[in-house]
Amino acid sequence: MEKSEFDNEWNKSNPKKEHQEILDLISDYLSNHYDQRFGQAIFNLRINEFVNKTDPAKEDYKIRDIHGDTDNKILERIKSQLEWFEKQKKRR
């Protein structure tokens, strides 16, 4: 079997490793923040977030539509937020 054939078959059998990574990150976060509800965790990890985060008076101060986001974009937001949390801990 050629490497490309193997890679193709591997990708078919494991198409959603990003799903598992997202679930693992959420699970770890909730384990460390057991006092938070699931909805809070989703928001705190930036899976859902406001389009305009600064001015509630503006029309675009609403939750962004994430239906078009790729799993990788969601992973980027989660990881970025977790990094920001860590930086904030170090500043204390």
N, C-alpha and C. Protein backbone atom coordinates (compact mmCIF):
# COMPACT_ATOMS: atom_id res chain seq x y z
N MET A 1 0.85 -1.19 0.00
CA MET A 1 0.00 0.00 0.00
C MET A 1 0.89 1.24 0.00
N GLU A 2 0.58 2.16 -0.87
CA GLU A 2 1.32 3.42 -0.96
C GLU A 2 0.95 4.32 0.23
N LYS A 3 1.88 5.20 0.58
CA LYS A 3 1.62 6.12 1.69
C LYS A 3 0.36 6.95 1.46
N SER A 4 0.17 7.42 0.24
CA SER A 4 -1.01 8.24 -0.05
C SER A 4 -2.29 7.43 0.12
N GLU A 5 -2.26 6.14 -0.26
CA GLU A 5 -3.43 5.28 -0.06
C GLU A 5 -3.71 5.10 1.43
N PHE A 6 -2.63 4.86 2.18
CA PHE A 6 -2.78 4.70 3.63
C PHE A 6 -3.37 5.96 4.24
N ASP A 7 -2.81 7.12 3.88
CA ASP A 7 -3.30 8.39 4.42
C ASP A 7 -4.76 8.62 4.08
N ASN A 8 -5.13 8.28 2.86
CA ASN A 8 -6.51 8.44 2.43
C ASN A 8 -7.44 7.55 3.26
N GLU A 9 -7.07 6.30 3.45
CA GLU A 9 -7.89 5.38 4.24
C GLU A 9 -7.94 5.81 5.71
N TRP A 10 -6.82 6.26 6.21
CA TRP A 10 -6.76 6.73 7.60
C TRP A 10 -7.71 7.92 7.79
N ASN A 11 -7.67 8.85 6.86
CA ASN A 11 -8.54 10.03 6.96
C ASN A 11 -10.02 9.65 6.86
N LYS A 12 -10.34 8.65 6.07
CA LYS A 12 -11.73 8.20 5.98
C LYS A 12 -12.20 7.59 7.28
N SER A 13 -11.33 6.84 7.95
CA SER A 13 -11.72 6.16 9.18
C SER A 13 -11.65 7.06 10.40
N ASN A 14 -10.95 8.17 10.32
CA ASN A 14 -10.81 9.10 11.44
C ASN A 14 -11.06 10.53 10.97
N PRO A 15 -12.24 10.80 10.44
CA PRO A 15 -12.46 12.11 9.82
C PRO A 15 -12.64 13.25 10.81
N LYS A 16 -12.93 12.97 12.06
CA LYS A 16 -13.29 14.05 12.97
C LYS A 16 -12.43 14.08 14.24
N LYS A 17 -11.11 14.02 14.07
CA LYS A 17 -10.24 14.11 15.24
C LYS A 17 -10.40 15.46 15.92
N GLU A 18 -10.78 16.48 15.14
CA GLU A 18 -11.01 17.81 15.71
C GLU A 18 -12.16 17.77 16.71
N HIS A 19 -13.18 16.96 16.42
CA HIS A 19 -14.31 16.84 17.36
C HIS A 19 -13.82 16.35 18.71
N GLN A 20 -12.97 15.32 18.69
CA GLN A 20 -12.47 14.77 19.95
C GLN A 20 -11.62 15.79 20.68
N GLU A 21 -10.82 16.54 19.95
CA GLU A 21 -9.98 17.56 20.58
C GLU A 21 -10.84 18.65 21.22
N ILE A 22 -11.88 19.08 20.53
CA ILE A 22 -12.80 20.08 21.09
C ILE A 22 -13.45 19.53 22.35
N LEU A 23 -13.95 18.30 22.29
CA LEU A 23 -14.59 17.69 23.45
C LEU A 23 -13.62 17.55 24.62
N ASP A 24 -12.38 17.17 24.34
CA ASP A 24 -11.37 17.04 25.40
C ASP A 24 -11.08 18.38 26.06
N LEU A 25 -10.96 19.44 25.26
CA LEU A 25 -10.69 20.77 25.81
C LEU A 25 -11.85 21.25 26.68
N ILE A 26 -13.08 21.03 26.21
CA ILE A 26 -14.25 21.43 27.00
C ILE A 26 -14.31 20.62 28.29
N SER A 27 -14.07 19.32 28.19
CA SER A 27 -14.10 18.46 29.37
C SER A 27 -13.05 18.87 30.40
N ASP A 28 -11.83 19.13 29.94
CA ASP A 28 -10.77 19.58 30.85
C ASP A 28 -11.15 20.90 31.51
N TYR A 29 -11.68 21.81 30.72
CA TYR A 29 -12.08 23.11 31.26
C TYR A 29 -13.15 22.94 32.33
N LEU A 30 -14.17 22.13 32.05
CA LEU A 30 -15.24 21.93 33.03
C LEU A 30 -14.74 21.20 34.28
N SER A 31 -13.76 20.32 34.11
CA SER A 31 -13.18 19.64 35.27
C SER A 31 -12.49 20.63 36.20
N ASN A 32 -11.88 21.64 35.61
CA ASN A 32 -11.17 22.65 36.40
C ASN A 32 -12.08 23.80 36.85
N HIS A 33 -13.26 23.89 36.28
CA HIS A 33 -14.22 24.96 36.61
C HIS A 33 -15.59 24.32 36.82
N TYR A 34 -15.64 23.38 37.76
CA TYR A 34 -16.84 22.58 37.97
C TYR A 34 -18.04 23.40 38.42
N ASP A 35 -17.80 24.64 38.88
CA ASP A 35 -18.91 25.49 39.31
C ASP A 35 -19.63 26.16 38.15
N GLN A 36 -19.09 26.05 36.95
CA GLN A 36 -19.71 26.66 35.78
C GLN A 36 -20.67 25.71 35.09
N ARG A 37 -21.70 26.30 34.53
CA ARG A 37 -22.64 25.52 33.72
C ARG A 37 -22.02 25.31 32.34
N PHE A 38 -22.53 24.34 31.62
CA PHE A 38 -22.00 24.03 30.29
C PHE A 38 -22.08 25.25 29.38
N GLY A 39 -23.22 25.94 29.39
CA GLY A 39 -23.38 27.13 28.55
C GLY A 39 -22.36 28.20 28.86
N GLN A 40 -22.02 28.37 30.14
CA GLN A 40 -20.98 29.33 30.52
C GLN A 40 -19.64 28.92 29.95
N ALA A 41 -19.33 27.64 30.02
CA ALA A 41 -18.05 27.16 29.50
C ALA A 41 -17.95 27.40 28.00
N ILE A 42 -19.02 27.13 27.27
CA ILE A 42 -19.03 27.34 25.82
C ILE A 42 -18.75 28.81 25.51
N PHE A 43 -19.36 29.69 26.28
CA PHE A 43 -19.15 31.13 26.07
C PHE A 43 -17.75 31.54 26.51
N ASN A 44 -17.31 31.08 27.68
CA ASN A 44 -15.99 31.45 28.20
C ASN A 44 -14.86 30.95 27.32
N LEU A 45 -15.06 29.84 26.64
CA LEU A 45 -14.03 29.30 25.75
C LEU A 45 -14.11 29.91 24.35
N ARG A 46 -15.01 30.84 24.15
CA ARG A 46 -15.18 31.58 22.90
C ARG A 46 -15.71 30.73 21.76
N ILE A 47 -16.36 29.61 22.09
CA ILE A 47 -17.01 28.84 21.03
C ILE A 47 -18.16 29.69 20.50
N ASN A 48 -18.97 30.20 21.40
CA ASN A 48 -19.95 31.24 21.09
C ASN A 48 -19.39 32.54 21.64
N GLU A 49 -19.57 33.60 20.92
CA GLU A 49 -19.09 34.89 21.40
C GLU A 49 -19.89 36.00 20.73
N PHE A 50 -19.77 37.19 21.27
CA PHE A 50 -20.44 38.33 20.67
C PHE A 50 -19.69 38.79 19.43
N VAL A 51 -20.43 39.26 18.45
CA VAL A 51 -19.82 39.82 17.25
C VAL A 51 -19.11 41.11 17.64
N ASN A 52 -19.83 41.99 18.28
CA ASN A 52 -19.29 43.25 18.77
C ASN A 52 -19.21 43.11 20.29
N LYS A 53 -18.04 43.04 20.83
CA LYS A 53 -17.87 42.77 22.26
C LYS A 53 -17.85 44.03 23.11
N THR A 54 -17.84 45.19 22.47
CA THR A 54 -17.59 46.41 23.25
C THR A 54 -18.78 47.34 23.44
N ASP A 55 -19.74 47.35 22.52
CA ASP A 55 -20.79 48.36 22.61
C ASP A 55 -22.18 47.73 22.50
N PRO A 56 -22.82 47.50 23.65
CA PRO A 56 -24.15 46.88 23.63
C PRO A 56 -25.21 47.73 22.94
N ALA A 57 -24.95 49.00 22.73
CA ALA A 57 -25.94 49.87 22.08
C ALA A 57 -25.99 49.64 20.57
N LYS A 58 -24.99 49.03 20.03
CA LYS A 58 -24.96 48.82 18.58
C LYS A 58 -25.70 47.55 18.19
N GLU A 59 -26.19 47.54 16.97
CA GLU A 59 -27.00 46.43 16.49
C GLU A 59 -26.23 45.11 16.42
N ASP A 60 -24.92 45.17 16.19
CA ASP A 60 -24.15 43.94 16.06
C ASP A 60 -23.65 43.39 17.40
N TYR A 61 -24.21 43.90 18.51
CA TYR A 61 -23.91 43.34 19.83
C TYR A 61 -24.83 42.13 20.02
N LYS A 62 -24.47 41.04 19.38
CA LYS A 62 -25.26 39.81 19.43
C LYS A 62 -24.31 38.63 19.29
N ILE A 63 -24.82 37.46 19.61
CA ILE A 63 -24.01 36.24 19.51
C ILE A 63 -23.75 35.95 18.04
N ARG A 64 -22.50 35.69 17.73
CA ARG A 64 -22.13 35.38 16.34
C ARG A 64 -22.73 34.05 15.91
N ASP A 65 -22.99 33.92 14.65
CA ASP A 65 -23.50 32.69 14.06
C ASP A 65 -22.29 31.81 13.74
N ILE A 66 -22.17 30.68 14.43
CA ILE A 66 -20.98 29.84 14.25
C ILE A 66 -21.22 28.67 13.30
N HIS A 67 -22.37 28.63 12.65
CA HIS A 67 -22.68 27.50 11.77
C HIS A 67 -21.69 27.34 10.63
N GLY A 68 -21.11 28.43 10.17
CA GLY A 68 -20.16 28.36 9.07
C GLY A 68 -18.72 28.19 9.52
N ASP A 69 -18.49 28.19 10.84
CA ASP A 69 -17.13 28.05 11.34
C ASP A 69 -16.64 26.62 11.18
N THR A 70 -15.40 26.47 10.75
CA THR A 70 -14.81 25.13 10.68
C THR A 70 -14.43 24.69 12.09
N ASP A 71 -14.26 23.40 12.25
CA ASP A 71 -13.81 22.88 13.53
C ASP A 71 -12.46 23.48 13.91
N ASN A 72 -11.60 23.67 12.92
CA ASN A 72 -10.28 24.25 13.20
C ASN A 72 -10.38 25.69 13.69
N LYS A 73 -11.32 26.47 13.15
CA LYS A 73 -11.51 27.84 13.63
C LYS A 73 -11.97 27.84 15.08
N ILE A 74 -12.88 26.93 15.40
CA ILE A 74 -13.35 26.82 16.78
C ILE A 74 -12.21 26.40 17.69
N LEU A 75 -11.39 25.46 17.25
CA LEU A 75 -10.23 25.04 18.04
C LEU A 75 -9.27 26.21 18.26
N GLU A 76 -9.05 27.00 17.24
CA GLU A 76 -8.17 28.18 17.37
C GLU A 76 -8.71 29.13 18.44
N ARG A 77 -10.02 29.38 18.44
CA ARG A 77 -10.59 30.30 19.44
C ARG A 77 -10.46 29.72 20.84
N ILE A 78 -10.74 28.43 20.99
CA ILE A 78 -10.64 27.80 22.31
C ILE A 78 -9.19 27.89 22.82
N LYS A 79 -8.25 27.48 21.98
CA LYS A 79 -6.84 27.49 22.40
C LYS A 79 -6.35 28.89 22.70
N SER A 80 -6.77 29.84 21.91
CA SER A 80 -6.38 31.24 22.14
C SER A 80 -6.92 31.72 23.49
N GLN A 81 -8.16 31.36 23.78
CA GLN A 81 -8.75 31.78 25.05
C GLN A 81 -8.06 31.10 26.23
N LEU A 82 -7.74 29.82 26.09
CA LEU A 82 -7.04 29.11 27.17
C LEU A 82 -5.65 29.72 27.41
N GLU A 83 -4.98 30.10 26.35
CA GLU A 83 -3.69 30.78 26.49
C GLU A 83 -3.86 32.11 27.21
N TRP A 84 -4.90 32.85 26.87
CA TRP A 84 -5.16 34.13 27.52
C TRP A 84 -5.42 33.92 29.01
N PHE A 85 -6.21 32.87 29.37
CA PHE A 85 -6.45 32.56 30.78
C PHE A 85 -5.13 32.31 31.51
N GLU A 86 -4.24 31.54 30.89
CA GLU A 86 -2.95 31.24 31.51
C GLU A 86 -2.12 32.51 31.72
N LYS A 87 -2.11 33.39 30.74
CA LYS A 87 -1.38 34.65 30.88
C LYS A 87 -1.94 35.48 32.01
N GLN A 88 -3.25 35.45 32.19
CA GLN A 88 -3.88 36.22 33.26
C GLN A 88 -3.49 35.65 34.63
N LYS A 89 -3.39 34.33 34.72
CA LYS A 89 -2.98 33.71 35.99
C LYS A 89 -1.57 34.14 36.36
N LYS A 90 -0.68 34.23 35.38
CA LYS A 90 0.72 34.59 35.64
C LYS A 90 0.86 36.05 36.06
N ARG A 91 -0.08 36.88 35.65
CA ARG A 91 -0.03 38.31 35.99
C ARG A 91 -0.41 38.57 37.43
N ARG A 92 -1.05 37.60 38.06
CA ARG A 92 -1.51 37.80 39.45
C ARG A 92 -0.41 37.67 40.44
